[in-house]
Amino acid sequence: KSEDSNHRLLYKTITLKEDLHISGVAKARITLASN
């Protein structure tokens, strides 16, 4: 809900002009470094 936070990264699509149907297993691929 936060407009801005340094405790997360948030990436958004543009506002949908039509309904979008998701069905199945979404997958994340994240390349990261930790301190």
Full PDB file with SEQRES, HELIX, SHEET, SSBOND, CRYST1, ORIGX, SCALE, CONECT and MASTER records, all heavy atoms in Angstrom:
SEQRES   1 A   35  LYS SER GLU ASP SER ASN HIS ARG LEU LEU TYR LYS THR          
SEQRES   2 A   35  ILE THR LEU LYS GLU ASP LEU HIS ILE SER GLY VAL ALA          
SEQRES   3 A   35  LYS ALA ARG ILE THR LEU ALA SER ASN                          
CRYST1    1.000    1.000    1.000  90.00  90.00  90.00 P 1           1          
ORIGX1      1.000000  0.000000  0.000000        0.00000                         
ORIGX2      0.000000  1.000000  0.000000        0.00000                         
ORIGX3      0.000000  0.000000  1.000000        0.00000                         
SCALE1      1.000000  0.000000  0.000000        0.00000                         
SCALE2      0.000000  1.000000  0.000000        0.00000                         
SCALE3      0.000000  0.000000  1.000000        0.00000                         
ATOM      1  N   LYS A   1       0.820  -1.225   0.000  1.00  0.00           N  
ATOM      2  CA  LYS A   1       0.000   0.000   0.000  1.00  0.00           C  
ATOM      3  C   LYS A   1       0.847   1.266   0.000  1.00  0.00           C  
ATOM      4  O   LYS A   1       0.367   2.339  -0.383  1.00  0.00           O  
ATOM      5  CB  LYS A   1      -0.920   0.003   1.230  1.00  0.00           C  
ATOM      6  CG  LYS A   1      -2.046  -0.997   1.150  1.00  0.00           C  
ATOM      7  CD  LYS A   1      -3.010  -0.875   2.318  1.00  0.00           C  
ATOM      8  CE  LYS A   1      -2.449  -1.417   3.603  1.00  0.00           C  
ATOM      9  NZ  LYS A   1      -3.454  -1.446   4.696  1.00  0.00           N  
ATOM     10  N   SER A   2       2.094   1.151   0.434  1.00  0.00           N  
ATOM     11  CA  SER A   2       2.943   2.326   0.565  1.00  0.00           C  
ATOM     12  C   SER A   2       3.299   2.913  -0.799  1.00  0.00           C  
ATOM     13  O   SER A   2       3.639   2.193  -1.732  1.00  0.00           O  
ATOM     14  CB  SER A   2       4.221   1.942   1.317  1.00  0.00           C  
ATOM     15  OG  SER A   2       5.102   3.032   1.372  1.00  0.00           O  
ATOM     16  N   GLU A   3       3.208   4.227  -0.903  1.00  0.00           N  
ATOM     17  CA  GLU A   3       3.572   4.901  -2.146  1.00  0.00           C  
ATOM     18  C   GLU A   3       5.063   4.776  -2.416  1.00  0.00           C  
ATOM     19  O   GLU A   3       5.505   4.697  -3.560  1.00  0.00           O  
ATOM     20  CB  GLU A   3       3.174   6.383  -2.080  1.00  0.00           C  
ATOM     21  CG  GLU A   3       1.676   6.634  -2.196  1.00  0.00           C  
ATOM     22  CD  GLU A   3       1.115   6.197  -3.544  1.00  0.00           C  
ATOM     23  OE1 GLU A   3       1.797   6.420  -4.567  1.00  0.00           O  
ATOM     24  OE2 GLU A   3       0.020   5.627  -3.572  1.00  0.00           O  
ATOM     25  N   ASP A   4       5.841   4.772  -1.339  1.00  0.00           N  
ATOM     26  CA  ASP A   4       7.286   4.676  -1.502  1.00  0.00           C  
ATOM     27  C   ASP A   4       7.864   4.041  -0.249  1.00  0.00           C  
ATOM     28  O   ASP A   4       7.438   4.348   0.861  1.00  0.00           O  
ATOM     29  CB  ASP A   4       7.888   6.066  -1.720  1.00  0.00           C  
ATOM     30  CG  ASP A   4       9.361   5.987  -2.064  1.00  0.00           C  
ATOM     31  OD1 ASP A   4       9.750   5.030  -2.752  1.00  0.00           O  
ATOM     32  OD2 ASP A   4      10.119   6.863  -1.619  1.00  0.00           O  
ATOM     33  N   SER A   5       8.801   3.118  -0.404  1.00  0.00           N  
ATOM     34  CA  SER A   5       9.410   2.455   0.740  1.00  0.00           C  
ATOM     35  C   SER A   5      10.770   1.916   0.349  1.00  0.00           C  
ATOM     36  O   SER A   5      10.938   1.390  -0.760  1.00  0.00           O  
ATOM     37  CB  SER A   5       8.525   1.305   1.235  1.00  0.00           C  
ATOM     38  OG  SER A   5       9.192   0.563   2.242  1.00  0.00           O  
ATOM     39  N   ASN A   6      11.743   2.062   1.253  1.00  0.00           N  
ATOM     40  CA  ASN A   6      13.051   1.463   0.978  1.00  0.00           C  
ATOM     41  C   ASN A   6      13.146   0.038   1.510  1.00  0.00           C  
ATOM     42  O   ASN A   6      14.221  -0.558   1.525  1.00  0.00           O  
ATOM     43  CB  ASN A   6      14.176   2.328   1.573  1.00  0.00           C  
ATOM     44  CG  ASN A   6      14.120   2.388   3.090  1.00  0.00           C  
ATOM     45  OD1 ASN A   6      13.116   2.006   3.698  1.00  0.00           O  
ATOM     46  ND2 ASN A   6      15.187   2.866   3.709  1.00  0.00           N  
ATOM     47  N   HIS A   7      11.986  -0.507   1.949  1.00  0.00           N  
ATOM     48  CA  HIS A   7      11.952  -1.869   2.483  1.00  0.00           C  
ATOM     49  C   HIS A   7      11.379  -2.875   1.481  1.00  0.00           C  
ATOM     50  O   HIS A   7      11.212  -4.047   1.805  1.00  0.00           O  
ATOM     51  CB  HIS A   7      11.131  -1.908   3.778  1.00  0.00           C  
ATOM     52  CG  HIS A   7      11.636  -0.964   4.819  1.00  0.00           C  
ATOM     53  ND1 HIS A   7      12.939  -0.976   5.256  1.00  0.00           N  
ATOM     54  CD2 HIS A   7      11.011   0.044   5.486  1.00  0.00           C  
ATOM     55  CE1 HIS A   7      13.096  -0.021   6.168  1.00  0.00           C  
ATOM     56  NE2 HIS A   7      11.955   0.608   6.314  1.00  0.00           N  
ATOM     57  N   ARG A   8      11.085  -2.420   0.292  1.00  0.00           N  
ATOM     58  CA  ARG A   8      10.623  -3.317  -0.769  1.00  0.00           C  
ATOM     59  C   ARG A   8      10.872  -2.672  -2.118  1.00  0.00           C  
ATOM     60  O   ARG A   8      11.072  -1.451  -2.235  1.00  0.00           O  
ATOM     61  CB  ARG A   8       9.135  -3.633  -0.610  1.00  0.00           C  
ATOM     62  CG  ARG A   8       8.203  -2.409  -0.587  1.00  0.00           C  
ATOM     63  CD  ARG A   8       7.643  -2.099  -1.952  1.00  0.00           C  
ATOM     64  NE  ARG A   8       6.634  -1.060  -1.916  1.00  0.00           N  
ATOM     65  CZ  ARG A   8       6.741   0.118  -2.516  1.00  0.00           C  
ATOM     66  NH1 ARG A   8       7.849   0.431  -3.162  1.00  0.00           N  
ATOM     67  NH2 ARG A   8       5.765   1.011  -2.475  1.00  0.00           N  
ATOM     68  N   LEU A   9      10.851  -3.505  -3.167  1.00  0.00           N  
ATOM     69  CA  LEU A   9      10.865  -3.020  -4.541  1.00  0.00           C  
ATOM     70  C   LEU A   9       9.541  -3.424  -5.166  1.00  0.00           C  
ATOM     71  O   LEU A   9       9.091  -4.562  -4.999  1.00  0.00           O  
ATOM     72  CB  LEU A   9      12.034  -3.626  -5.321  1.00  0.00           C  
ATOM     73  CG  LEU A   9      13.431  -3.285  -4.782  1.00  0.00           C  
ATOM     74  CD1 LEU A   9      14.497  -4.068  -5.541  1.00  0.00           C  
ATOM     75  CD2 LEU A   9      13.702  -1.787  -4.880  1.00  0.00           C  
ATOM     76  N   LEU A  10       8.906  -2.505  -5.890  1.00  0.00           N  
ATOM     77  CA  LEU A  10       7.589  -2.765  -6.457  1.00  0.00           C  
ATOM     78  C   LEU A  10       7.560  -2.315  -7.914  1.00  0.00           C  
ATOM     79  O   LEU A  10       7.847  -1.148  -8.215  1.00  0.00           O  
ATOM     80  CB  LEU A  10       6.512  -2.035  -5.656  1.00  0.00           C  
ATOM     81  CG  LEU A  10       5.064  -2.185  -6.127  1.00  0.00           C  
ATOM     82  CD1 LEU A  10       4.639  -3.658  -6.109  1.00  0.00           C  
ATOM     83  CD2 LEU A  10       4.124  -1.357  -5.249  1.00  0.00           C  
ATOM     84  N   TYR A  11       7.203  -3.243  -8.790  1.00  0.00           N  
ATOM     85  CA  TYR A  11       7.159  -2.966 -10.223  1.00  0.00           C  
ATOM     86  C   TYR A  11       5.755  -3.265 -10.725  1.00  0.00           C  
ATOM     87  O   TYR A  11       5.192  -4.334 -10.434  1.00  0.00           O  
ATOM     88  CB  TYR A  11       8.198  -3.825 -10.948  1.00  0.00           C  
ATOM     89  CG  TYR A  11       9.580  -3.634 -10.360  1.00  0.00           C  
ATOM     90  CD1 TYR A  11      10.058  -4.508  -9.381  1.00  0.00           C  
ATOM     91  CD2 TYR A  11      10.379  -2.566 -10.739  1.00  0.00           C  
ATOM     92  CE1 TYR A  11      11.311  -4.321  -8.815  1.00  0.00           C  
ATOM     93  CE2 TYR A  11      11.635  -2.363 -10.170  1.00  0.00           C  
ATOM     94  CZ  TYR A  11      12.091  -3.248  -9.201  1.00  0.00           C  
ATOM     95  OH  TYR A  11      13.323  -3.042  -8.633  1.00  0.00           O  
ATOM     96  N   LYS A  12       5.183  -2.310 -11.482  1.00  0.00           N  
ATOM     97  CA  LYS A  12       3.767  -2.395 -11.852  1.00  0.00           C  
ATOM     98  C   LYS A  12       3.577  -2.304 -13.366  1.00  0.00           C  
ATOM     99  O   LYS A  12       4.269  -1.547 -14.050  1.00  0.00           O  
ATOM    100  CB  LYS A  12       2.990  -1.249 -11.181  1.00  0.00           C  
ATOM    101  CG  LYS A  12       3.027  -1.288  -9.659  1.00  0.00           C  
ATOM    102  CD  LYS A  12       2.258  -0.128  -9.047  1.00  0.00           C  
ATOM    103  CE  LYS A  12       3.070   1.160  -9.116  1.00  0.00           C  
ATOM    104  NZ  LYS A  12       2.411   2.266  -8.365  1.00  0.00           N  
ATOM    105  N   THR A  13       2.613  -3.091 -13.838  1.00  0.00           N  
ATOM    106  CA  THR A  13       2.174  -2.924 -15.213  1.00  0.00           C  
ATOM    107  C   THR A  13       1.429  -1.598 -15.325  1.00  0.00           C  
ATOM    108  O   THR A  13       1.050  -1.002 -14.305  1.00  0.00           O  
ATOM    109  CB  THR A  13       1.231  -4.055 -15.643  1.00  0.00           C  
ATOM    110  OG1 THR A  13       0.014  -3.958 -14.871  1.00  0.00           O  
ATOM    111  CG2 THR A  13       1.861  -5.419 -15.435  1.00  0.00           C  
ATOM    112  N   ILE A  14       1.188  -1.167 -16.545  1.00  0.00           N  
ATOM    113  CA  ILE A  14       0.290  -0.030 -16.698  1.00  0.00           C  
ATOM    114  C   ILE A  14      -1.124  -0.493 -16.345  1.00  0.00           C  
ATOM    115  O   ILE A  14      -1.393  -1.696 -16.238  1.00  0.00           O  
ATOM    116  CB  ILE A  14       0.347   0.562 -18.127  1.00  0.00           C  
ATOM    117  CG1 ILE A  14      -0.255  -0.432 -19.133  1.00  0.00           C  
ATOM    118  CG2 ILE A  14       1.760   0.943 -18.499  1.00  0.00           C  
ATOM    119  CD1 ILE A  14      -0.501   0.191 -20.496  1.00  0.00           C  
ATOM    120  N   THR A  15      -2.027   0.422 -16.149  1.00  0.00           N  
ATOM    121  CA  THR A  15      -3.399   0.081 -15.806  1.00  0.00           C  
ATOM    122  C   THR A  15      -4.034  -0.754 -16.922  1.00  0.00           C  
ATOM    123  O   THR A  15      -3.958  -0.396 -18.105  1.00  0.00           O  
ATOM    124  CB  THR A  15      -4.226   1.358 -15.585  1.00  0.00           C  
ATOM    125  OG1 THR A  15      -3.619   2.110 -14.533  1.00  0.00           O  
ATOM    126  CG2 THR A  15      -5.652   1.013 -15.188  1.00  0.00           C  
ATOM    127  N   LEU A  16      -4.606  -1.871 -16.541  1.00  0.00           N  
ATOM    128  CA  LEU A  16      -5.191  -2.777 -17.535  1.00  0.00           C  
ATOM    129  C   LEU A  16      -6.410  -2.138 -18.201  1.00  0.00           C  
ATOM    130  O   LEU A  16      -7.279  -1.595 -17.517  1.00  0.00           O  
ATOM    131  CB  LEU A  16      -5.593  -4.098 -16.883  1.00  0.00           C  
ATOM    132  CG  LEU A  16      -4.483  -4.921 -16.215  1.00  0.00           C  
ATOM    133  CD1 LEU A  16      -5.076  -6.209 -15.639  1.00  0.00           C  
ATOM    134  CD2 LEU A  16      -3.360  -5.237 -17.191  1.00  0.00           C  
ATOM    135  N   LYS A  17      -6.463  -2.249 -19.523  1.00  0.00           N  
ATOM    136  CA  LYS A  17      -7.613  -1.744 -20.273  1.00  0.00           C  
ATOM    137  C   LYS A  17      -8.685  -2.823 -20.449  1.00  0.00           C  
ATOM    138  O   LYS A  17      -9.828  -2.523 -20.763  1.00  0.00           O  
ATOM    139  CB  LYS A  17      -7.159  -1.228 -21.637  1.00  0.00           C  
ATOM    140  CG  LYS A  17      -6.217  -0.020 -21.536  1.00  0.00           C  
ATOM    141  CD  LYS A  17      -5.764   0.423 -22.910  1.00  0.00           C  
ATOM    142  CE  LYS A  17      -4.938   1.694 -22.843  1.00  0.00           C  
ATOM    143  NZ  LYS A  17      -3.691   1.522 -22.045  1.00  0.00           N  
ATOM    144  N   GLU A  18      -8.268  -4.083 -20.274  1.00  0.00           N  
ATOM    145  CA  GLU A  18      -9.195  -5.217 -20.342  1.00  0.00           C  
ATOM    146  C   GLU A  18      -8.868  -6.194 -19.225  1.00  0.00           C  
ATOM    147  O   GLU A  18      -7.765  -6.178 -18.670  1.00  0.00           O  
ATOM    148  CB  GLU A  18      -9.070  -5.937 -21.699  1.00  0.00           C  
ATOM    149  CG  GLU A  18      -9.492  -5.116 -22.897  1.00  0.00           C  
ATOM    150  CD  GLU A  18      -9.455  -5.938 -24.179  1.00  0.00           C  
ATOM    151  OE1 GLU A  18      -9.174  -7.164 -24.089  1.00  0.00           O  
ATOM    152  OE2 GLU A  18      -9.712  -5.357 -25.248  1.00  0.00           O  
ATOM    153  N   ASP A  19      -9.827  -7.054 -18.903  1.00  0.00           N  
ATOM    154  CA  ASP A  19      -9.572  -8.104 -17.918  1.00  0.00           C  
ATOM    155  C   ASP A  19      -8.442  -9.001 -18.410  1.00  0.00           C  
ATOM    156  O   ASP A  19      -8.287  -9.243 -19.613  1.00  0.00           O  
ATOM    157  CB  ASP A  19     -10.813  -8.968 -17.702  1.00  0.00           C  
ATOM    158  CG  ASP A  19     -11.960  -8.203 -17.052  1.00  0.00           C  
ATOM    159  OD1 ASP A  19     -11.745  -7.041 -16.649  1.00  0.00           O  
ATOM    160  OD2 ASP A  19     -13.061  -8.780 -16.945  1.00  0.00           O  
ATOM    161  N   LEU A  20      -7.654  -9.513 -17.453  1.00  0.00           N  
ATOM    162  CA  LEU A  20      -6.546 -10.404 -17.776  1.00  0.00           C  
ATOM    163  C   LEU A  20      -6.658 -11.648 -16.905  1.00  0.00           C  
ATOM    164  O   LEU A  20      -6.752 -11.561 -15.680  1.00  0.00           O  
ATOM    165  CB  LEU A  20      -5.212  -9.707 -17.530  1.00  0.00           C  
ATOM    166  CG  LEU A  20      -3.976 -10.331 -18.177  1.00  0.00           C  
ATOM    167  CD1 LEU A  20      -4.072 -10.264 -19.707  1.00  0.00           C  
ATOM    168  CD2 LEU A  20      -2.707  -9.638 -17.699  1.00  0.00           C  
ATOM    169  N   HIS A  21      -6.671 -12.812 -17.553  1.00  0.00           N  
ATOM    170  CA  HIS A  21      -6.901 -14.079 -16.860  1.00  0.00           C  
ATOM    171  C   HIS A  21      -5.571 -14.796 -16.647  1.00  0.00           C  
ATOM    172  O   HIS A  21      -4.904 -15.206 -17.602  1.00  0.00           O  
ATOM    173  CB  HIS A  21      -7.857 -14.941 -17.702  1.00  0.00           C  
ATOM    174  CG  HIS A  21      -8.300 -16.193 -17.019  1.00  0.00           C  
ATOM    175  ND1 HIS A  21      -9.219 -17.064 -17.585  1.00  0.00           N  
ATOM    176  CD2 HIS A  21      -7.974 -16.751 -15.827  1.00  0.00           C  
ATOM    177  CE1 HIS A  21      -9.429 -18.079 -16.766  1.00  0.00           C  
ATOM    178  NE2 HIS A  21      -8.669 -17.926 -15.694  1.00  0.00           N  
ATOM    179  N   ILE A  22      -5.187 -14.971 -15.376  1.00  0.00           N  
ATOM    180  CA  ILE A  22      -3.980 -15.711 -15.001  1.00  0.00           C  
ATOM    181  C   ILE A  22      -4.403 -17.116 -14.585  1.00  0.00           C  
ATOM    182  O   ILE A  22      -5.321 -17.280 -13.777  1.00  0.00           O  
ATOM    183  CB  ILE A  22      -3.234 -15.009 -13.852  1.00  0.00           C  
ATOM    184  CG1 ILE A  22      -2.736 -13.642 -14.311  1.00  0.00           C  
ATOM    185  CG2 ILE A  22      -2.086 -15.860 -13.341  1.00  0.00           C  
ATOM    186  CD1 ILE A  22      -2.188 -12.778 -13.189  1.00  0.00           C  
ATOM    187  N   SER A  23      -3.743 -18.150 -15.111  1.00  0.00           N  
ATOM    188  CA  SER A  23      -4.103 -19.524 -14.776  1.00  0.00           C  
ATOM    189  C   SER A  23      -2.859 -20.408 -14.786  1.00  0.00           C  
ATOM    190  O   SER A  23      -2.291 -20.675 -15.843  1.00  0.00           O  
ATOM    191  CB  SER A  23      -5.135 -20.078 -15.766  1.00  0.00           C  
ATOM    192  OG  SER A  23      -5.477 -21.413 -15.442  1.00  0.00           O  
ATOM    193  N   GLY A  24      -2.450 -20.843 -13.593  1.00  0.00           N  
ATOM    194  CA  GLY A  24      -1.295 -21.718 -13.509  1.00  0.00           C  
ATOM    195  C   GLY A  24      -0.319 -21.279 -12.445  1.00  0.00           C  
ATOM    196  O   GLY A  24      -0.692 -20.654 -11.449  1.00  0.00           O  
ATOM    197  N   VAL A  25       0.952 -21.590 -12.666  1.00  0.00           N  
ATOM    198  CA  VAL A  25       2.000 -21.336 -11.669  1.00  0.00           C  
ATOM    199  C   VAL A  25       2.923 -20.240 -12.178  1.00  0.00           C  
ATOM    200  O   VAL A  25       3.644 -20.424 -13.168  1.00  0.00           O  
ATOM    201  CB  VAL A  25       2.808 -22.621 -11.386  1.00  0.00           C  
ATOM    202  CG1 VAL A  25       3.894 -22.348 -10.352  1.00  0.00           C  
ATOM    203  CG2 VAL A  25       1.888 -23.742 -10.910  1.00  0.00           C  
ATOM    204  N   ALA A  26       2.895 -19.091 -11.496  1.00  0.00           N  
ATOM    205  CA  ALA A  26       3.821 -18.008 -11.823  1.00  0.00           C  
ATOM    206  C   ALA A  26       5.199 -18.352 -11.262  1.00  0.00           C  
ATOM    207  O   ALA A  26       5.323 -19.063 -10.260  1.00  0.00           O  
ATOM    208  CB  ALA A  26       3.320 -16.693 -11.236  1.00  0.00           C  
ATOM    209  N   LYS A  27       6.236 -17.835 -11.922  1.00  0.00           N  
ATOM    210  CA  LYS A  27       7.611 -18.137 -11.514  1.00  0.00           C  
ATOM    211  C   LYS A  27       8.413 -16.850 -11.390  1.00  0.00           C  
ATOM    212  O   LYS A  27       8.264 -15.929 -12.202  1.00  0.00           O  
ATOM    213  CB  LYS A  27       8.276 -19.061 -12.543  1.00  0.00           C  
ATOM    214  CG  LYS A  27       7.571 -20.403 -12.725  1.00  0.00           C  
ATOM    215  CD  LYS A  27       8.188 -21.203 -13.865  1.00  0.00           C  
ATOM    216  CE  LYS A  27       7.537 -22.568 -14.014  1.00  0.00           C  
ATOM    217  NZ  LYS A  27       6.099 -22.470 -14.379  1.00  0.00           N  
ATOM    218  N   ALA A  28       9.248 -16.822 -10.360  1.00  0.00           N  
ATOM    219  CA  ALA A  28      10.126 -15.670 -10.146  1.00  0.00           C  
ATOM    220  C   ALA A  28      11.565 -16.066 -10.416  1.00  0.00           C  
ATOM    221  O   ALA A  28      12.003 -17.167 -10.046  1.00  0.00           O  
ATOM    222  CB  ALA A  28       9.978 -15.153  -8.723  1.00  0.00           C  
ATOM    223  N   ARG A  29      12.278 -15.178 -11.070  1.00  0.00           N  
ATOM    224  CA  ARG A  29      13.725 -15.334 -11.271  1.00  0.00           C  
ATOM    225  C   ARG A  29      14.378 -14.049 -10.771  1.00  0.00           C  
ATOM    226  O   ARG A  29      14.197 -12.994 -11.388  1.00  0.00           O  
ATOM    227  CB  ARG A  29      14.052 -15.583 -12.746  1.00  0.00           C  
ATOM    228  CG  ARG A  29      15.537 -15.752 -13.050  1.00  0.00           C  
ATOM    229  CD  ARG A  29      15.745 -16.056 -14.537  1.00  0.00           C  
ATOM    230  NE  ARG A  29      17.119 -16.383 -14.844  1.00  0.00           N  
ATOM    231  CZ  ARG A  29      18.029 -15.499 -15.265  1.00  0.00           C  
ATOM    232  NH1 ARG A  29      17.676 -14.217 -15.427  1.00  0.00           N  
ATOM    233  NH2 ARG A  29      19.255 -15.878 -15.533  1.00  0.00           N  
ATOM    234  N   ILE A  30      15.086 -14.144  -9.665  1.00  0.00           N  
ATOM    235  CA  ILE A  30      15.625 -12.947  -9.020  1.00  0.00           C  
ATOM    236  C   ILE A  30      17.136 -13.103  -8.843  1.00  0.00           C  
ATOM    237  O   ILE A  30      17.599 -14.088  -8.254  1.00  0.00           O  
ATOM    238  CB  ILE A  30      14.945 -12.698  -7.654  1.00  0.00           C  
ATOM    239  CG1 ILE A  30      13.444 -12.478  -7.859  1.00  0.00           C  
ATOM    240  CG2 ILE A  30      15.574 -11.513  -6.933  1.00  0.00           C  
ATOM    241  CD1 ILE A  30      12.641 -12.389  -6.581  1.00  0.00           C  
ATOM    242  N   THR A  31      17.878 -12.151  -9.373  1.00  0.00           N  
ATOM    243  CA  THR A  31      19.328 -12.132  -9.193  1.00  0.00           C  
ATOM    244  C   THR A  31      19.657 -11.070  -8.159  1.00  0.00           C  
ATOM    245  O   THR A  31      19.334  -9.893  -8.337  1.00  0.00           O  
ATOM    246  CB  THR A  31      20.051 -11.855 -10.516  1.00  0.00           C  
ATOM    247  OG1 THR A  31      19.695 -12.890 -11.460  1.00  0.00           O  
ATOM    248  CG2 THR A  31      21.556 -11.848 -10.326  1.00  0.00           C  
ATOM    249  N   LEU A  32      20.294 -11.505  -7.067  1.00  0.00           N  
ATOM    250  CA  LEU A  32      20.478 -10.607  -5.929  1.00  0.00           C  
ATOM    251  C   LEU A  32      21.831 -10.799  -5.277  1.00  0.00           C  
ATOM    252  O   LEU A  32      22.493 -11.819  -5.431  1.00  0.00           O  
ATOM    253  CB  LEU A  32      19.367 -10.838  -4.889  1.00  0.00           C  
ATOM    254  CG  LEU A  32      19.214 -12.244  -4.295  1.00  0.00           C  
ATOM    255  CD1 LEU A  32      20.224 -12.530  -3.192  1.00  0.00           C  
ATOM    256  CD2 LEU A  32      17.807 -12.458  -3.756  1.00  0.00           C  
ATOM    257  N   ALA A  33      22.211  -9.784  -4.511  1.00  0.00           N  
ATOM    258  CA  ALA A  33      23.349  -9.856  -3.600  1.00  0.00           C  
ATOM    259  C   ALA A  33      22.868  -9.419  -2.224  1.00  0.00           C  
ATOM    260  O   ALA A  33      21.957  -8.603  -2.101  1.00  0.00           O  
ATOM    261  CB  ALA A  33      24.483  -8.958  -4.085  1.00  0.00           C  
ATOM    262  N   SER A  34      23.476  -9.984  -1.196  1.00  0.00           N  
ATOM    263  CA  SER A  34      23.116  -9.653   0.185  1.00  0.00           C  
ATOM    264  C   SER A  34      24.355  -9.148   0.913  1.00  0.00           C  
ATOM    265  O   SER A  34      25.481  -9.596   0.630  1.00  0.00           O  
ATOM    266  CB  SER A  34      22.565 -10.892   0.900  1.00  0.00           C  
ATOM    267  OG  SER A  34      22.424 -10.667   2.291  1.00  0.00           O  
ATOM    268  N   ASN A  35      24.146  -8.235   1.852  1.00  0.00           N  
ATOM    269  CA  ASN A  35      25.278  -7.761   2.653  1.00  0.00           C  
ATOM    270  C   ASN A  35      25.531  -8.655   3.862  1.00  0.00           C  
ATOM    271  O   ASN A  35      26.409  -8.371   4.670  1.00  0.00           O  
ATOM    272  CB  ASN A  35      25.061  -6.311   3.094  1.00  0.00           C  
ATOM    273  CG  ASN A  35      23.925  -6.168   4.098  1.00  0.00           C  
ATOM    274  OD1 ASN A  35      23.078  -7.059   4.222  1.00  0.00           O  
ATOM    275  ND2 ASN A  35      23.913  -5.049   4.825  1.00  0.00           N  
TER     276      ASN A  35                                                      
MASTER        0    0    0    0    0    0    0    6  275    1    0    3          
END                                                                             
